[in-house]
PDB file of N, CA and C in Angstrom:
ATOM      1  N   GLY A   1    -154.811  47.520 -23.695  1.00  0.00           N
ATOM      2  CA  GLY A   1    -155.443  47.109 -25.003  1.00  0.00           C
ATOM      3  C   GLY A   1    -154.710  45.916 -25.580  1.00  0.00           C
ATOM      4  N   THR A   2    -155.395  45.364 -26.586  1.00  0.00           N
ATOM      5  CA  THR A   2    -154.850  44.245 -27.351  1.00  0.00           C
ATOM      6  C   THR A   2    -153.689  44.681 -28.260  1.00  0.00           C
ATOM      7  N   THR A   3    -152.684  43.835 -28.313  1.00  0.00           N
ATOM      8  CA  THR A   3    -151.575  44.140 -29.234  1.00  0.00           C
ATOM      9  C   THR A   3    -151.552  42.916 -30.337  1.00  0.00           C
ATOM     10  N   ILE A   4    -151.070  43.373 -31.442  1.00  0.00           N
ATOM     11  CA  ILE A   4    -150.877  42.421 -32.607  1.00  0.00           C
ATOM     12  C   ILE A   4    -149.739  41.465 -32.172  1.00  0.00           C
ATOM     13  N   SER A   5    -149.816  40.161 -32.433  1.00  0.00           N
ATOM     14  CA  SER A   5    -148.962  39.249 -32.079  1.00  0.00           C
ATOM     15  C   SER A   5    -148.988  38.023 -33.070  1.00  0.00           C
ATOM     16  N   LYS A   6    -147.868  37.368 -33.275  1.00  0.00           N
ATOM     17  CA  LYS A   6    -147.795  36.130 -34.092  1.00  0.00           C
ATOM     18  C   LYS A   6    -148.421  34.955 -33.405  1.00  0.00           C
ATOM     19  N   LYS A   7    -148.693  35.046 -32.058  1.00  0.00           N
ATOM     20  CA  LYS A   7    -149.128  33.908 -31.210  1.00  0.00           C
ATOM     21  C   LYS A   7    -150.604  33.733 -31.531  1.00  0.00           C
ATOM     22  N   ALA A   8    -151.127  32.478 -31.402  1.00  0.00           N
ATOM     23  CA  ALA A   8    -152.567  32.097 -31.588  1.00  0.00           C
ATOM     24  C   ALA A   8    -153.434  32.893 -30.591  1.00  0.00           C
ATOM     25  N   SER A   9    -152.872  33.220 -29.504  1.00  0.00           N
ATOM     26  CA  SER A   9    -153.593  33.974 -28.456  1.00  0.00           C
ATOM     27  C   SER A   9    -153.682  35.487 -28.760  1.00  0.00           C
ATOM     28  N   GLY A  10    -152.963  35.881 -29.712  1.00  0.00           N
ATOM     29  CA  GLY A  10    -153.026  37.420 -29.966  1.00  0.00           C
ATOM     30  C   GLY A  10    -154.248  37.793 -30.703  1.00  0.00           C
ATOM     31  N   ALA A  11    -154.460  39.065 -30.871  1.00  0.00           N
ATOM     32  CA  ALA A  11    -155.549  39.635 -31.724  1.00  0.00           C
ATOM     33  C   ALA A  11    -155.452  39.298 -33.027  1.00  0.00           C
ATOM     34  N   LEU A  12    -156.716  38.880 -33.769  1.00  0.00           N
ATOM     35  CA  LEU A  12    -156.616  38.499 -35.201  1.00  0.00           C
ATOM     36  C   LEU A  12    -156.563  39.902 -35.990  1.00  0.00           C
ATOM     37  N   PHE A  13    -155.457  39.934 -36.772  1.00  0.00           N
ATOM     38  CA  PHE A  13    -155.288  41.187 -37.614  1.00  0.00           C
ATOM     39  C   PHE A  13    -155.499  40.945 -39.065  1.00  0.00           C
ATOM     40  N   GLY A  14    -155.129  39.602 -39.468  1.00  0.00           N
ATOM     41  CA  GLY A  14    -155.199  39.202 -40.852  1.00  0.00           C
ATOM     42  C   GLY A  14    -154.677  37.776 -41.015  1.00  0.00           C
ATOM     43  N   ILE A  15    -154.436  37.418 -42.230  1.00  0.00           N
ATOM     44  CA  ILE A  15    -153.838  36.127 -42.501  1.00  0.00           C
ATOM     45  C   ILE A  15    -152.625  36.456 -43.356  1.00  0.00           C
ATOM     46  N   ALA A  16    -151.503  35.646 -42.846  1.00  0.00           N
ATOM     47  CA  ALA A  16    -150.175  35.768 -43.457  1.00  0.00           C
ATOM     48  C   ALA A  16    -150.241  35.074 -45.016  1.00  0.00           C
ATOM     49  N   LEU A  17    -149.836  35.716 -45.910  1.00  0.00           N
ATOM     50  CA  LEU A  17    -149.775  35.271 -47.271  1.00  0.00           C
ATOM     51  C   LEU A  17    -148.484  34.735 -47.663  1.00  0.00           C
ATOM     52  N   GLU A  18    -147.395  34.699 -46.706  1.00  0.00           N
ATOM     53  CA  GLU A  18    -146.158  34.117 -46.902  1.00  0.00           C
ATOM     54  C   GLU A  18    -145.654  33.534 -45.711  1.00  0.00           C
ATOM     55  N   ALA A  19    -144.764  32.541 -45.888  1.00  0.00           N
ATOM     56  CA  ALA A  19    -144.193  31.883 -44.690  1.00  0.00           C
ATOM     57  C   ALA A  19    -142.842  32.509 -44.322  1.00  0.00           C
ATOM     58  N   ILE A  20    -142.595  32.273 -42.947  1.00  0.00           N
ATOM     59  CA  ILE A  20    -141.281  32.804 -42.439  1.00  0.00           C
ATOM     60  C   ILE A  20    -140.762  31.603 -41.761  1.00  0.00           C
ATOM     61  N   ASP A  21    -139.457  31.321 -41.782  1.00  0.00           N
ATOM     62  CA  ASP A  21    -138.833  30.240 -41.091  1.00  0.00           C
ATOM     63  C   ASP A  21    -138.888  30.477 -39.798  1.00  0.00           C
ATOM     64  N   SER A  22    -139.017  29.434 -38.844  1.00  0.00           N
ATOM     65  CA  SER A  22    -138.960  29.497 -37.466  1.00  0.00           C
ATOM     66  C   SER A  22    -137.682  30.342 -36.942  1.00  0.00           C
ATOM     67  N   GLY A  23    -137.865  31.233 -36.011  1.00  0.00           N
ATOM     68  CA  GLY A  23    -136.772  32.014 -35.339  1.00  0.00           C
ATOM     69  C   GLY A  23    -136.402  33.144 -36.365  1.00  0.00           C
ATOM     70  N   LYS A  24    -136.970  33.376 -37.456  1.00  0.00           N
ATOM     71  CA  LYS A  24    -136.631  34.455 -38.387  1.00  0.00           C
ATOM     72  C   LYS A  24    -137.514  35.498 -38.294  1.00  0.00           C
ATOM     73  N   THR A  25    -137.189  36.657 -38.818  1.00  0.00           N
ATOM     74  CA  THR A  25    -138.117  37.960 -38.932  1.00  0.00           C
ATOM     75  C   THR A  25    -138.021  38.362 -40.383  1.00  0.00           C
ATOM     76  N   ALA A  26    -139.111  38.853 -40.894  1.00  0.00           N
ATOM     77  CA  ALA A  26    -139.127  39.330 -42.277  1.00  0.00           C
ATOM     78  C   ALA A  26    -140.406  40.210 -42.311  1.00  0.00           C
ATOM     79  N   THR A  27    -140.468  40.962 -43.422  1.00  0.00           N
ATOM     80  CA  THR A  27    -141.641  41.746 -43.833  1.00  0.00           C
ATOM     81  C   THR A  27    -142.332  40.836 -44.791  1.00  0.00           C
ATOM     82  N   ILE A  28    -143.675  40.679 -44.697  1.00  0.00           N
ATOM     83  CA  ILE A  28    -144.527  39.809 -45.555  1.00  0.00           C
ATOM     84  C   ILE A  28    -145.748  40.431 -45.884  1.00  0.00           C
ATOM     85  N   ASN A  29    -146.464  39.986 -46.790  1.00  0.00           N
ATOM     86  CA  ASN A  29    -147.758  40.412 -47.100  1.00  0.00           C
ATOM     87  C   ASN A  29    -148.813  39.760 -46.310  1.00  0.00           C
ATOM     88  N   VAL A  30    -149.824  40.516 -45.845  1.00  0.00           N
ATOM     89  CA  VAL A  30    -150.813  40.166 -44.944  1.00  0.00           C
ATOM     90  C   VAL A  30    -152.217  40.483 -45.567  1.00  0.00           C
ATOM     91  N   LEU A  31    -153.143  39.569 -45.611  1.00  0.00           N
ATOM     92  CA  LEU A  31    -154.440  39.886 -46.008  1.00  0.00           C
ATOM     93  C   LEU A  31    -155.162  40.378 -44.759  1.00  0.00           C
ATOM     94  N   ILE A  32    -155.462  41.729 -44.879  1.00  0.00           N
ATOM     95  CA  ILE A  32    -156.052  42.455 -43.613  1.00  0.00           C
ATOM     96  C   ILE A  32    -157.562  41.887 -43.458  1.00  0.00           C
ATOM     97  N   GLY A  33    -157.886  41.591 -42.279  1.00  0.00           N
ATOM     98  CA  GLY A  33    -159.064  40.984 -41.992  1.00  0.00           C
ATOM     99  C   GLY A  33    -159.183  39.722 -42.315  1.00  0.00           C
ATOM    100  N   GLY A  34    -159.223  39.260 -43.544  1.00  0.00           N
ATOM    101  CA  GLY A  34    -159.008  37.928 -43.863  1.00  0.00           C
ATOM    102  C   GLY A  34    -160.182  36.850 -43.648  1.00  0.00           C
ATOM    103  N   ILE A  35    -160.949  37.173 -42.831  1.00  0.00           N
ATOM    104  CA  ILE A  35    -162.039  36.241 -42.604  1.00  0.00           C
ATOM    105  C   ILE A  35    -163.381  37.022 -42.816  1.00  0.00           C
ATOM    106  N   SER A  36    -164.217  36.345 -43.630  1.00  0.00           N
ATOM    107  CA  SER A  36    -165.426  37.011 -44.082  1.00  0.00           C
ATOM    108  C   SER A  36    -166.374  37.063 -42.956  1.00  0.00           C
ATOM    109  N   GLN A  37    -166.929  38.179 -42.934  1.00  0.00           N
ATOM    110  CA  GLN A  37    -168.011  38.579 -41.819  1.00  0.00           C
ATOM    111  C   GLN A  37    -169.351  38.787 -42.550  1.00  0.00           C
ATOM    112  N   SER A  38    -170.285  38.432 -41.717  1.00  0.00           N
ATOM    113  CA  SER A  38    -171.715  38.638 -42.285  1.00  0.00           C
ATOM    114  C   SER A  38    -172.394  39.694 -41.447  1.00  0.00           C
ATOM    115  N   MET A  39    -173.443  40.151 -42.219  1.00  0.00           N
ATOM    116  CA  MET A  39    -174.251  41.192 -41.449  1.00  0.00           C
ATOM    117  C   MET A  39    -175.696  40.898 -41.915  1.00  0.00           C
ATOM    118  N   ILE A  40    -176.702  40.935 -41.069  1.00  0.00           N
ATOM    119  CA  ILE A  40    -178.043  40.792 -41.362  1.00  0.00           C
ATOM    120  C   ILE A  40    -178.664  42.009 -41.989  1.00  0.00           C
ATOM    121  N   VAL A  41    -179.151  41.933 -43.192  1.00  0.00           N
ATOM    122  CA  VAL A  41    -179.702  42.952 -43.993  1.00  0.00           C
ATOM    123  C   VAL A  41    -181.144  43.104 -43.667  1.00  0.00           C
ATOM    124  N   ALA A  42    -181.927  42.028 -43.480  1.00  0.00           N
ATOM    125  CA  ALA A  42    -183.355  42.032 -43.060  1.00  0.00           C
ATOM    126  C   ALA A  42    -183.642  40.778 -42.586  1.00  0.00           C
ATOM    127  N   ALA A  43    -184.735  40.877 -41.672  1.00  0.00           N
ATOM    128  CA  ALA A  43    -185.170  39.509 -41.115  1.00  0.00           C
ATOM    129  C   ALA A  43    -186.768  39.791 -40.686  1.00  0.00           C
ATOM    130  N   GLY A  44    -187.641  38.767 -40.805  1.00  0.00           N
ATOM    131  CA  GLY A  44    -188.925  39.038 -40.341  1.00  0.00           C
ATOM    132  C   GLY A  44    -189.852  37.937 -40.611  1.00  0.00           C
ATOM    133  N   ILE A  45    -191.154  38.233 -40.492  1.00  0.00           N
ATOM    134  CA  ILE A  45    -192.208  37.250 -40.808  1.00  0.00           C
ATOM    135  C   ILE A  45    -193.092  38.010 -41.787  1.00  0.00           C
ATOM    136  N   HIS A  46    -193.260  37.504 -43.029  1.00  0.00           N
ATOM    137  CA  HIS A  46    -194.044  38.004 -44.007  1.00  0.00           C
ATOM    138  C   HIS A  46    -195.359  37.296 -44.207  1.00  0.00           C
ATOM    139  N   THR A  47    -196.535  37.986 -44.187  1.00  0.00           N
ATOM    140  CA  THR A  47    -197.795  37.436 -44.370  1.00  0.00           C
ATOM    141  C   THR A  47    -198.304  37.614 -45.824  1.00  0.00           C
ATOM    142  N   VAL A  48    -198.682  36.447 -46.443  1.00  0.00           N
ATOM    143  CA  VAL A  48    -199.017  36.424 -47.888  1.00  0.00           C
ATOM    144  C   VAL A  48    -200.425  37.130 -47.813  1.00  0.00           C
ATOM    145  N   ALA A  49    -200.665  38.129 -48.870  1.00  0.00           N
ATOM    146  CA  ALA A  49    -201.955  38.724 -49.072  1.00  0.00           C
ATOM    147  C   ALA A  49    -202.852  37.822 -49.822  1.00  0.00           C
ATOM    148  N   ASP A  50    -204.021  38.289 -49.846  1.00  0.00           N
ATOM    149  CA  ASP A  50    -205.156  37.330 -50.517  1.00  0.00           C
ATOM    150  C   ASP A  50    -205.038  37.550 -52.010  1.00  0.00           C
ATOM    151  N   SER A  51    -204.244  38.668 -52.653  1.00  0.00           N
ATOM    152  CA  SER A  51    -204.249  38.707 -54.081  1.00  0.00           C
ATOM    153  C   SER A  51    -202.975  39.440 -54.514  1.00  0.00           C
ATOM    154  N   PRO A  52    -202.268  39.019 -55.449  1.00  0.00           N
ATOM    155  CA  PRO A  52    -202.524  37.861 -56.171  1.00  0.00           C
ATOM    156  C   PRO A  52    -201.867  36.605 -55.490  1.00  0.00           C
ATOM    157  N   LEU A  53    -202.515  35.575 -55.547  1.00  0.00           N
ATOM    158  CA  LEU A  53    -201.945  34.267 -55.064  1.00  0.00           C
ATOM    159  C   LEU A  53    -201.069  33.483 -56.213  1.00  0.00           C
ATOM    160  N   ASP A  54    -199.852  33.236 -55.803  1.00  0.00           N
ATOM    161  CA  ASP A  54    -199.078  32.550 -56.990  1.00  0.00           C
ATOM    162  C   ASP A  54    -198.063  31.658 -56.240  1.00  0.00           C
ATOM    163  N   THR A  55    -197.169  30.950 -56.915  1.00  0.00           N
ATOM    164  CA  THR A  55    -196.255  30.162 -56.428  1.00  0.00           C
ATOM    165  C   THR A  55    -195.028  30.979 -55.926  1.00  0.00           C
ATOM    166  N   ALA A  56    -194.853  32.147 -56.346  1.00  0.00           N
ATOM    167  CA  ALA A  56    -193.776  33.014 -55.964  1.00  0.00           C
ATOM    168  C   ALA A  56    -194.210  34.175 -55.252  1.00  0.00           C
ATOM    169  N   GLU A  57    -193.524  34.497 -54.104  1.00  0.00           N
ATOM    170  CA  GLU A  57    -194.031  35.593 -53.244  1.00  0.00           C
ATOM    171  C   GLU A  57    -192.816  36.619 -53.149  1.00  0.00           C
ATOM    172  N   PHE A  58    -192.992  37.868 -53.575  1.00  0.00           N
ATOM    173  CA  PHE A  58    -192.077  38.841 -53.463  1.00  0.00           C
ATOM    174  C   PHE A  58    -192.156  39.617 -52.230  1.00  0.00           C
ATOM    175  N   ILE A  59    -190.989  39.896 -51.536  1.00  0.00           N
ATOM    176  CA  ILE A  59    -190.948  40.687 -50.288  1.00  0.00           C
ATOM    177  C   ILE A  59    -189.910  41.762 -50.495  1.00  0.00           C
ATOM    178  N   ALA A  60    -190.491  43.000 -50.394  1.00  0.00           N
ATOM    179  CA  ALA A  60    -189.552  44.204 -50.705  1.00  0.00           C
ATOM    180  C   ALA A  60    -188.611  44.310 -49.609  1.00  0.00           C
ATOM    181  N   VAL A  61    -187.213  44.500 -49.830  1.00  0.00           N
ATOM    182  CA  VAL A  61    -186.253  44.682 -48.910  1.00  0.00           C
ATOM    183  C   VAL A  61    -185.320  45.808 -49.381  1.00  0.00           C
ATOM    184  N   THR A  62    -185.512  47.021 -48.760  1.00  0.00           N
ATOM    185  CA  THR A  62    -184.586  48.196 -49.178  1.00  0.00           C
ATOM    186  C   THR A  62    -183.162  47.941 -49.047  1.00  0.00           C
ATOM    187  N   GLY A  63    -182.473  48.184 -49.956  1.00  0.00           N
ATOM    188  CA  GLY A  63    -181.069  47.960 -50.095  1.00  0.00           C
ATOM    189  C   GLY A  63    -180.527  46.563 -50.431  1.00  0.00           C
ATOM    190  N   CYS A  64    -181.448  45.713 -50.846  1.00  0.00           N
ATOM    191  CA  CYS A  64    -181.038  44.271 -51.085  1.00  0.00           C
ATOM    192  C   CYS A  64    -180.045  44.270 -52.236  1.00  0.00           C
ATOM    193  N   LEU A  65    -179.224  43.311 -52.312  1.00  0.00           N
ATOM    194  CA  LEU A  65    -178.330  43.078 -53.504  1.00  0.00           C
ATOM    195  C   LEU A  65    -178.588  41.815 -53.945  1.00  0.00           C
ATOM    196  N   ASP A  66    -178.155  41.598 -55.269  1.00  0.00           N
ATOM    197  CA  ASP A  66    -178.191  40.274 -55.902  1.00  0.00           C
ATOM    198  C   ASP A  66    -177.326  39.208 -55.186  1.00  0.00           C
ATOM    199  N   THR A  67    -176.256  39.725 -54.585  1.00  0.00           N
ATOM    200  CA  THR A  67    -175.377  38.736 -53.894  1.00  0.00           C
ATOM    201  C   THR A  67    -175.724  38.297 -52.510  1.00  0.00           C
ATOM    202  N   ASP A  68    -176.704  38.900 -51.953  1.00  0.00           N
ATOM    203  CA  ASP A  68    -177.210  38.586 -50.592  1.00  0.00           C
ATOM    204  C   ASP A  68    -177.793  37.112 -50.497  1.00  0.00           C
ATOM    205  N   VAL A  69    -177.621  36.522 -49.322  1.00  0.00           N
ATOM    206  CA  VAL A  69    -177.984  35.187 -49.121  1.00  0.00           C
ATOM    207  C   VAL A  69    -179.394  35.170 -48.436  1.00  0.00           C
ATOM    208  N   VAL A  70    -180.350  34.377 -48.931  1.00  0.00           N
ATOM    209  CA  VAL A  70    -181.628  34.454 -48.363  1.00  0.00           C
ATOM    210  C   VAL A  70    -181.835  32.954 -47.736  1.00  0.00           C
ATOM    211  N   LEU A  71    -182.404  32.990 -46.471  1.00  0.00           N
ATOM    212  CA  LEU A  71    -182.920  31.776 -45.904  1.00  0.00           C
ATOM    213  C   LEU A  71    -184.404  31.962 -45.543  1.00  0.00           C
ATOM    214  N   ALA A  72    -185.082  30.994 -45.897  1.00  0.00           N
ATOM    215  CA  ALA A  72    -186.530  31.050 -45.712  1.00  0.00           C
ATOM    216  C   ALA A  72    -187.192  29.804 -45.198  1.00  0.00           C
ATOM    217  N   THR A  73    -188.181  29.859 -44.283  1.00  0.00           N
ATOM    218  CA  THR A  73    -189.057  28.673 -44.053  1.00  0.00           C
ATOM    219  C   THR A  73    -190.508  29.199 -43.834  1.00  0.00           C
ATOM    220  N   MET A  74    -191.385  28.224 -43.910  1.00  0.00           N
ATOM    221  CA  MET A  74    -192.785  28.452 -43.683  1.00  0.00           C
ATOM    222  C   MET A  74    -193.022  28.547 -42.338  1.00  0.00           C
ATOM    223  N   HIS A  75    -193.548  29.641 -41.912  1.00  0.00           N
ATOM    224  CA  HIS A  75    -193.908  29.979 -40.380  1.00  0.00           C
ATOM    225  C   HIS A  75    -195.322  29.373 -40.170  1.00  0.00           C
ATOM    226  N   THR A  76    -196.236  29.713 -41.007  1.00  0.00           N
ATOM    227  CA  THR A  76    -197.600  29.200 -40.903  1.00  0.00           C
ATOM    228  C   THR A  76    -198.073  28.829 -42.216  1.00  0.00           C
ATOM    229  N   ASN A  77    -198.441  27.596 -42.469  1.00  0.00           N
ATOM    230  CA  ASN A  77    -198.921  27.125 -43.834  1.00  0.00           C
ATOM    231  C   ASN A  77    -200.265  26.615 -43.713  1.00  0.00           C
ATOM    232  N   GLY A  78    -201.222  27.523 -44.229  1.00  0.00           N
ATOM    233  CA  GLY A  78    -202.659  27.295 -43.998  1.00  0.00           C
ATOM    234  C   GLY A  78    -203.293  26.542 -45.155  1.00  0.00           C
ATOM    235  N   GLY A  79    -202.641  26.396 -46.320  1.00  0.00           N
ATOM    236  CA  GLY A  79    -203.184  25.701 -47.477  1.00  0.00           C
ATOM    237  C   GLY A  79    -203.219  24.209 -47.327  1.00  0.00           C
ATOM    238  N   SER A  80    -203.829  23.610 -48.348  1.00  0.00           N
ATOM    239  CA  SER A  80    -203.867  22.180 -48.503  1.00  0.00           C
ATOM    240  C   SER A  80    -203.671  21.715 -49.852  1.00  0.00           C
ATOM    241  N   PRO A  81    -202.754  21.051 -50.374  1.00  0.00           N
ATOM    242  CA  PRO A  81    -201.685  20.511 -49.558  1.00  0.00           C
ATOM    243  C   PRO A  81    -200.728  21.411 -49.086  1.00  0.00           C
ATOM    244  N   LYS A  82    -199.910  21.095 -47.994  1.00  0.00           N
ATOM    245  CA  LYS A  82    -198.837  21.964 -47.458  1.00  0.00           C
ATOM    246  C   LYS A  82    -197.802  22.237 -48.489  1.00  0.00           C
ATOM    247  N   LEU A  83    -197.317  23.455 -48.422  1.00  0.00           N
ATOM    248  CA  LEU A  83    -196.267  23.920 -49.352  1.00  0.00           C
ATOM    249  C   LEU A  83    -194.928  23.637 -48.837  1.00  0.00           C
ATOM    250  N   ASN A  84    -193.993  23.460 -49.775  1.00  0.00           N
ATOM    251  CA  ASN A  84    -192.466  23.493 -49.484  1.00  0.00           C
ATOM    252  C   ASN A  84    -191.835  24.624 -50.195  1.00  0.00           C
ATOM    253  N   ILE A  85    -190.951  25.238 -49.561  1.00  0.00           N
ATOM    254  CA  ILE A  85    -190.122  26.318 -50.280  1.00  0.00           C
ATOM    255  C   ILE A  85    -189.159  25.639 -51.197  1.00  0.00           C
ATOM    256  N   VAL A  86    -189.013  25.950 -52.471  1.00  0.00           N
ATOM    257  CA  VAL A  86    -187.997  25.411 -53.467  1.00  0.00           C
ATOM    258  C   VAL A  86    -187.106  26.283 -53.739  1.00  0.00           C
ATOM    259  N   SER A  87    -187.096  27.618 -53.561  1.00  0.00           N
ATOM    260  CA  SER A  87    -186.070  28.571 -53.801  1.00  0.00           C
ATOM    261  C   SER A  87    -186.211  29.944 -53.000  1.00  0.00           C
ATOM    262  N   ALA A  88    -185.145  30.611 -52.744  1.00  0.00           N
ATOM    263  CA  ALA A  88    -185.229  31.886 -52.168  1.00  0.00           C
ATOM    264  C   ALA A  88    -184.073  32.728 -52.735  1.00  0.00           C
ATOM    265  N   SER A  89    -184.395  33.889 -53.450  1.00  0.00           N
ATOM    266  CA  SER A  89    -183.382  34.515 -54.115  1.00  0.00           C
ATOM    267  C   SER A  89    -183.601  35.992 -53.889  1.00  0.00           C
ATOM    268  N   ALA A  90    -182.354  36.748 -53.864  1.00  0.00           N
ATOM    269  CA  ALA A  90    -182.370  38.118 -53.615  1.00  0.00           C
ATOM    270  C   ALA A  90    -182.086  38.887 -54.952  1.00  0.00           C
ATOM    271  N   ALA A  91    -182.619  40.203 -54.998  1.00  0.00           N
ATOM    272  CA  ALA A  91    -182.355  41.055 -56.220  1.00  0.00           C
ATOM    273  C   ALA A  91    -182.178  42.420 -55.814  1.00  0.00           C
ATOM    274  N   ALA A  92    -181.482  43.210 -56.572  1.00  0.00           N
ATOM    275  CA  ALA A  92    -181.203  44.594 -56.261  1.00  0.00           C
ATOM    276  C   ALA A  92    -182.419  45.462 -56.961  1.00  0.00           C
ATOM    277  N   SER A  93    -182.996  44.983 -58.043  1.00  0.00           N
ATOM    278  CA  SER A  93    -183.915  45.828 -58.749  1.00  0.00           C
ATOM    279  C   SER A  93    -184.965  44.862 -59.411  1.00  0.00           C
ATOM    280  N   PRO A  94    -186.221  44.938 -58.799  1.00  0.00           N
ATOM    281  CA  PRO A  94    -186.645  45.717 -57.566  1.00  0.00           C
ATOM    282  C   PRO A  94    -185.903  45.092 -56.421  1.00  0.00           C
ATOM    283  N   ALA A  95    -185.668  45.905 -55.334  1.00  0.00           N
ATOM    284  CA  ALA A  95    -184.840  45.480 -54.156  1.00  0.00           C
ATOM    285  C   ALA A  95    -185.824  44.602 -53.338  1.00  0.00           C
ATOM    286  N   GLY A  96    -185.458  43.185 -53.206  1.00  0.00           N
ATOM    287  CA  GLY A  96    -186.176  42.371 -52.418  1.00  0.00           C
ATOM    288  C   GLY A  96    -185.857  40.966 -52.693  1.00  0.00           C
ATOM    289  N   ILE A  97    -186.652  40.179 -52.041  1.00  0.00           N
ATOM    290  CA  ILE A  97    -186.535  38.666 -52.163  1.00  0.00           C
ATOM    291  C   ILE A  97    -187.697  38.011 -52.717  1.00  0.00           C
ATOM    292  N   THR A  98    -187.403  36.879 -53.409  1.00  0.00           N
ATOM    293  CA  THR A  98    -188.452  36.219 -54.086  1.00  0.00           C
ATOM    294  C   THR A  98    -188.455  34.773 -53.428  1.00  0.00           C
ATOM    295  N   ILE A  99    -189.556  34.302 -52.769  1.00  0.00           N
ATOM    296  CA  ILE A  99    -189.605  32.917 -52.108  1.00  0.00           C
ATOM    297  C   ILE A  99    -190.621  32.138 -53.055  1.00  0.00           C
ATOM    298  N   THR A 100    -190.033  31.023 -53.555  1.00  0.00           N
ATOM    299  CA  THR A 100    -190.914  30.336 -54.608  1.00  0.00           C
ATOM    300  C   THR A 100    -191.172  29.054 -53.890  1.00  0.00           C
ATOM    301  N   ALA A 101    -192.550  28.562 -53.948  1.00  0.00           N
ATOM    302  CA  ALA A 101    -192.944  27.299 -53.447  1.00  0.00           C
ATOM    303  C   ALA A 101    -193.325  26.363 -54.442  1.00  0.00           C
ATOM    304  N   ASP A 102    -193.582  24.990 -53.888  1.00  0.00           N
ATOM    305  CA  ASP A 102    -193.858  23.954 -54.956  1.00  0.00           C
ATOM    306  C   ASP A 102    -195.419  23.944 -55.209  1.00  0.00           C
ATOM    307  N   GLY A 103    -196.084  24.908 -54.933  1.00  0.00           N
ATOM    308  CA  GLY A 103    -197.552  25.181 -55.150  1.00  0.00           C
ATOM    309  C   GLY A 103    -197.992  26.578 -54.918  1.00  0.00           C
ATOM    310  N   THR A 104    -199.183  26.893 -54.919  1.00  0.00           N
ATOM    311  CA  THR A 104    -199.780  28.222 -54.741  1.00  0.00           C
ATOM    312  C   THR A 104    -199.939  28.531 -53.274  1.00  0.00           C
ATOM    313  N   TYR A 105    -199.433  29.661 -52.988  1.00  0.00           N
ATOM    314  CA  TYR A 105    -199.604  30.185 -51.599  1.00  0.00           C
ATOM    315  C   TYR A 105    -201.153  30.331 -51.229  1.00  0.00           C
ATOM    316  N   THR A 106    -201.465  30.342 -49.986  1.00  0.00           N
ATOM    317  CA  THR A 106    -202.829  30.608 -49.427  1.00  0.00           C
ATOM    318  C   THR A 106    -202.684  31.970 -48.589  1.00  0.00           C
ATOM    319  N   ALA A 107    -203.773  32.758 -48.814  1.00  0.00           N
ATOM    320  CA  ALA A 107    -203.787  34.052 -48.055  1.00  0.00           C
ATOM    321  C   ALA A 107    -203.653  33.650 -46.487  1.00  0.00           C
ATOM    322  N   GLY A 108    -202.746  34.433 -45.996  1.00  0.00           N
ATOM    323  CA  GLY A 108    -202.440  34.326 -44.469  1.00  0.00           C
ATOM    324  C   GLY A 108    -201.296  33.424 -44.233  1.00  0.00           C
ATOM    325  N   ASP A 109    -200.815  32.632 -45.221  1.00  0.00           N
ATOM    326  CA  ASP A 109    -199.533  32.012 -45.047  1.00  0.00           C
ATOM    327  C   ASP A 109    -198.468  32.910 -44.540  1.00  0.00           C
ATOM    328  N   LYS A 110    -197.552  32.319 -43.652  1.00  0.00           N
ATOM    329  CA  LYS A 110    -196.512  33.294 -43.112  1.00  0.00           C
ATOM    330  C   LYS A 110    -195.232  32.669 -43.463  1.00  0.00           C
ATOM    331  N   ILE A 111    -194.194  33.520 -43.973  1.00  0.00           N
ATOM    332  CA  ILE A 111    -192.883  33.111 -44.373  1.00  0.00           C
ATOM    333  C   ILE A 111    -191.866  33.806 -43.378  1.00  0.00           C
ATOM    334  N   ASN A 112    -191.078  33.030 -42.786  1.00  0.00           N
ATOM    335  CA  ASN A 112    -189.865  33.492 -41.898  1.00  0.00           C
ATOM    336  C   ASN A 112    -188.880  33.780 -42.987  1.00  0.00           C
ATOM    337  N   TYR A 113    -188.155  34.900 -42.837  1.00  0.00           N
ATOM    338  CA  TYR A 113    -187.082  35.120 -43.827  1.00  0.00           C
ATOM    339  C   TYR A 113    -185.810  35.782 -43.119  1.00  0.00           C
ATOM    340  N   LEU A 114    -184.714  35.595 -43.692  1.00  0.00           N
ATOM    341  CA  LEU A 114    -183.391  36.230 -43.207  1.00  0.00           C
ATOM    342  C   LEU A 114    -182.518  36.465 -44.351  1.00  0.00           C
ATOM    343  N   VAL A 115    -182.110  37.656 -44.511  1.00  0.00           N
ATOM    344  CA  VAL A 115    -181.278  38.115 -45.562  1.00  0.00           C
ATOM    345  C   VAL A 115    -179.921  38.488 -44.937  1.00  0.00           C
ATOM    346  N   VAL A 116    -178.880  37.803 -45.419  1.00  0.00           N
ATOM    347  CA  VAL A 116    -177.536  37.945 -44.824  1.00  0.00           C
ATOM    348  C   VAL A 116    -176.550  38.384 -46.057  1.00  0.00           C
ATOM    349  N   ARG A 117    -175.686  39.316 -45.724  1.00  0.00           N
ATOM    350  CA  ARG A 117    -174.716  39.805 -46.664  1.00  0.00           C
ATOM    351  C   ARG A 117    -173.358  39.547 -46.015  1.00  0.00           C
ATOM    352  N   TYR A 118    -172.460  38.882 -46.837  1.00  0.00           N
ATOM    353  CA  TYR A 118    -171.047  38.567 -46.359  1.00  0.00           C
ATOM    354  C   TYR A 118    -170.101  39.829 -46.787  1.00  0.00           C
ATOM    355  N   VAL A 119    -169.393  40.360 -45.977  1.00  0.00           N
ATOM    356  CA  VAL A 119    -168.660  41.612 -46.268  1.00  0.00           C
ATOM    357  C   VAL A 119    -167.114  41.275 -46.045  1.00  0.00           C
TER     358      VAL A 119
END
């Protein structure tokens, strides 16, 4: 198995919050984990329905939080002129994401989305 070590080649356990002089030993505080990790909450391709058509499209995501990070791109853009996504935000109530464009969506437009949570 892997053992905890002060060497860079050892297993990551945390980040030292205090310094120790070279060649010395001491008990110090350590931030356990110390590195933010992420998890994918949801991902997919959402198809815009024919009604109601608006500049904002809501996609329900069970368990979504206000602090989640949303990445979104247009997968298929059938309208004219073509749309650009101007914002993508997450909310806990109602649970989901809102993708806002610089114009009105067209039925059949498809939005790629990824919801990430840092833990």
